[in-house]
Amino acid sequence: MRRLDEVVAAKAFDLIIMDVEGAECLALEGMAEILANSPKLQIEVAPHAISDIANKTPAQFSAQLARFYTRISVLPTADAEGMDFPKHDIPAAIEAICRTGKTIDVILEK
């Protein structure tokens, strides 16, 4: 495998849509330069993948995201119904999603 920062020539995108079937935590590690220059990221928060695949805690995953983004919103789906948290509190949002045990799509913004 190679880091996305090394493979992709463009280092800025208006929106990144990531759906890598549970490897989000790992993919984020290889694209710091791209994330630093891209204002929006849509990503799945999959609690089982955070712990089982990436061997991270929700707080560690939150820190990866909060390094580049300041706001988080849940995409409206049946699984996300009733999710409510401050948009400027990425750690609280990730913790809340992880407590549900469901995979929830979110959008992060600068």
Protein backbone atom coordinates (compact mmCIF):
# COMPACT_ATOMS: atom_id res chain seq x y z
CA MET A 1 0.00 0.00 0.00
CA ARG A 2 0.99 3.60 -0.55
CA ARG A 3 -0.09 6.79 1.15
CA LEU A 4 -2.77 8.70 -0.74
CA ASP A 5 -0.73 11.89 -0.28
CA GLU A 6 1.98 10.22 -2.42
CA VAL A 7 -0.35 8.81 -5.09
CA VAL A 8 -2.73 11.71 -5.79
CA ALA A 9 -1.15 14.72 -7.47
CA ALA A 10 -3.93 17.14 -6.48
CA LYS A 11 -3.74 18.07 -2.82
CA ALA A 12 -7.05 19.93 -2.47
CA PHE A 13 -10.62 18.88 -3.14
CA ASP A 14 -13.89 20.70 -2.42
CA LEU A 15 -15.38 17.53 -0.93
CA ILE A 16 -13.87 14.15 -0.15
CA ILE A 17 -16.31 11.25 0.05
CA MET A 18 -14.72 8.31 1.81
CA ASP A 19 -16.31 4.88 1.99
CA VAL A 20 -13.57 2.32 2.54
CA GLU A 21 -15.56 -0.32 4.41
CA GLY A 22 -14.19 0.17 7.89
CA ALA A 23 -10.67 1.28 7.05
CA GLU A 24 -11.40 4.99 7.49
CA CYS A 25 -9.03 5.40 10.45
CA LEU A 26 -6.23 3.83 8.47
CA ALA A 27 -6.95 5.78 5.30
CA LEU A 28 -6.91 9.09 7.19
CA GLU A 29 -3.34 8.39 8.30
CA GLY A 30 -2.13 8.45 4.70
CA MET A 31 -3.81 11.62 3.55
CA ALA A 32 -2.88 14.39 5.98
CA GLU A 33 -1.79 16.80 3.26
CA ILE A 34 -5.02 16.29 1.32
CA LEU A 35 -7.18 16.72 4.44
CA ALA A 36 -5.32 19.88 5.41
CA ASN A 37 -6.32 21.45 2.08
CA SER A 38 -9.86 20.13 1.66
CA PRO A 39 -12.77 21.98 3.31
CA LYS A 40 -15.22 19.04 3.59
CA LEU A 41 -15.02 15.33 4.29
CA GLN A 42 -17.89 12.85 4.21
CA ILE A 43 -16.99 9.71 6.11
CA GLU A 44 -18.60 6.69 7.76
CA VAL A 45 -18.16 6.36 11.49
CA ALA A 46 -18.20 2.61 12.06
CA PRO A 47 -17.72 1.84 15.77
CA HIS A 48 -16.68 -1.78 15.21
CA ALA A 49 -14.06 -0.72 12.66
CA ILE A 50 -12.58 1.94 14.91
CA SER A 51 -11.89 -0.62 17.63
CA ASP A 52 -11.51 -3.91 15.73
CA ILE A 53 -9.83 -2.90 12.46
CA ALA A 54 -7.87 0.23 13.41
CA ASN A 55 -7.36 -0.71 17.07
CA LYS A 56 -8.23 2.86 18.13
CA THR A 57 -10.52 4.41 20.68
CA PRO A 58 -13.28 6.84 19.70
CA ALA A 59 -11.13 9.61 21.24
CA GLN A 60 -8.19 8.70 19.00
CA PHE A 61 -10.44 8.69 15.93
CA SER A 62 -11.91 12.04 16.99
CA ALA A 63 -8.42 13.48 17.32
CA GLN A 64 -7.61 12.40 13.75
CA LEU A 65 -10.66 14.28 12.48
CA ALA A 66 -10.38 17.33 14.76
CA ARG A 67 -6.84 17.91 13.54
CA PHE A 68 -8.32 19.08 10.22
CA TYR A 69 -11.99 19.91 10.83
CA THR A 70 -13.99 21.94 13.35
CA ARG A 71 -17.65 21.07 12.62
CA ILE A 72 -19.50 17.77 12.26
CA SER A 73 -22.99 16.99 11.01
CA VAL A 74 -24.79 13.66 10.73
CA LEU A 75 -26.31 12.81 7.38
CA PRO A 76 -30.02 12.11 7.85
CA THR A 77 -30.68 8.37 7.69
CA ALA A 78 -32.86 5.98 9.67
CA ASP A 79 -29.85 4.88 11.74
CA ALA A 80 -29.00 8.49 12.58
CA GLU A 81 -32.50 9.44 13.68
CA GLY A 82 -32.46 11.30 16.99
CA MET A 83 -28.71 11.98 16.93
CA ASP A 84 -28.16 15.39 18.48
CA PHE A 85 -24.90 16.99 19.58
CA PRO A 86 -23.13 20.33 19.19
CA LYS A 87 -21.73 20.75 15.68
CA HIS A 88 -18.47 22.09 17.09
CA ASP A 89 -17.84 19.10 19.36
CA ILE A 90 -16.34 16.37 17.20
CA PRO A 91 -15.30 14.19 20.18
CA ALA A 92 -18.83 14.26 21.66
CA ALA A 93 -20.33 13.39 18.28
CA ILE A 94 -17.99 10.44 17.70
CA GLU A 95 -18.59 9.15 21.24
CA ALA A 96 -22.38 9.41 20.75
CA ILE A 97 -22.19 7.55 17.44
CA CYS A 98 -19.97 4.84 18.92
CA ARG A 99 -22.43 4.30 21.77
CA THR A 100 -25.14 3.45 19.22
CA GLY A 101 -23.00 0.71 17.67
CA LYS A 102 -24.35 1.74 14.27
CA THR A 103 -22.42 2.93 11.25
CA ILE A 104 -23.36 6.59 10.69
CA ASP A 105 -22.34 8.89 7.84
CA VAL A 106 -21.10 12.33 8.83
CA ILE A 107 -19.81 15.44 7.09
CA LEU A 108 -16.91 17.33 8.61
CA GLU A 109 -16.12 20.93 7.69
CA LYS A 110 -13.35 23.42 8.36
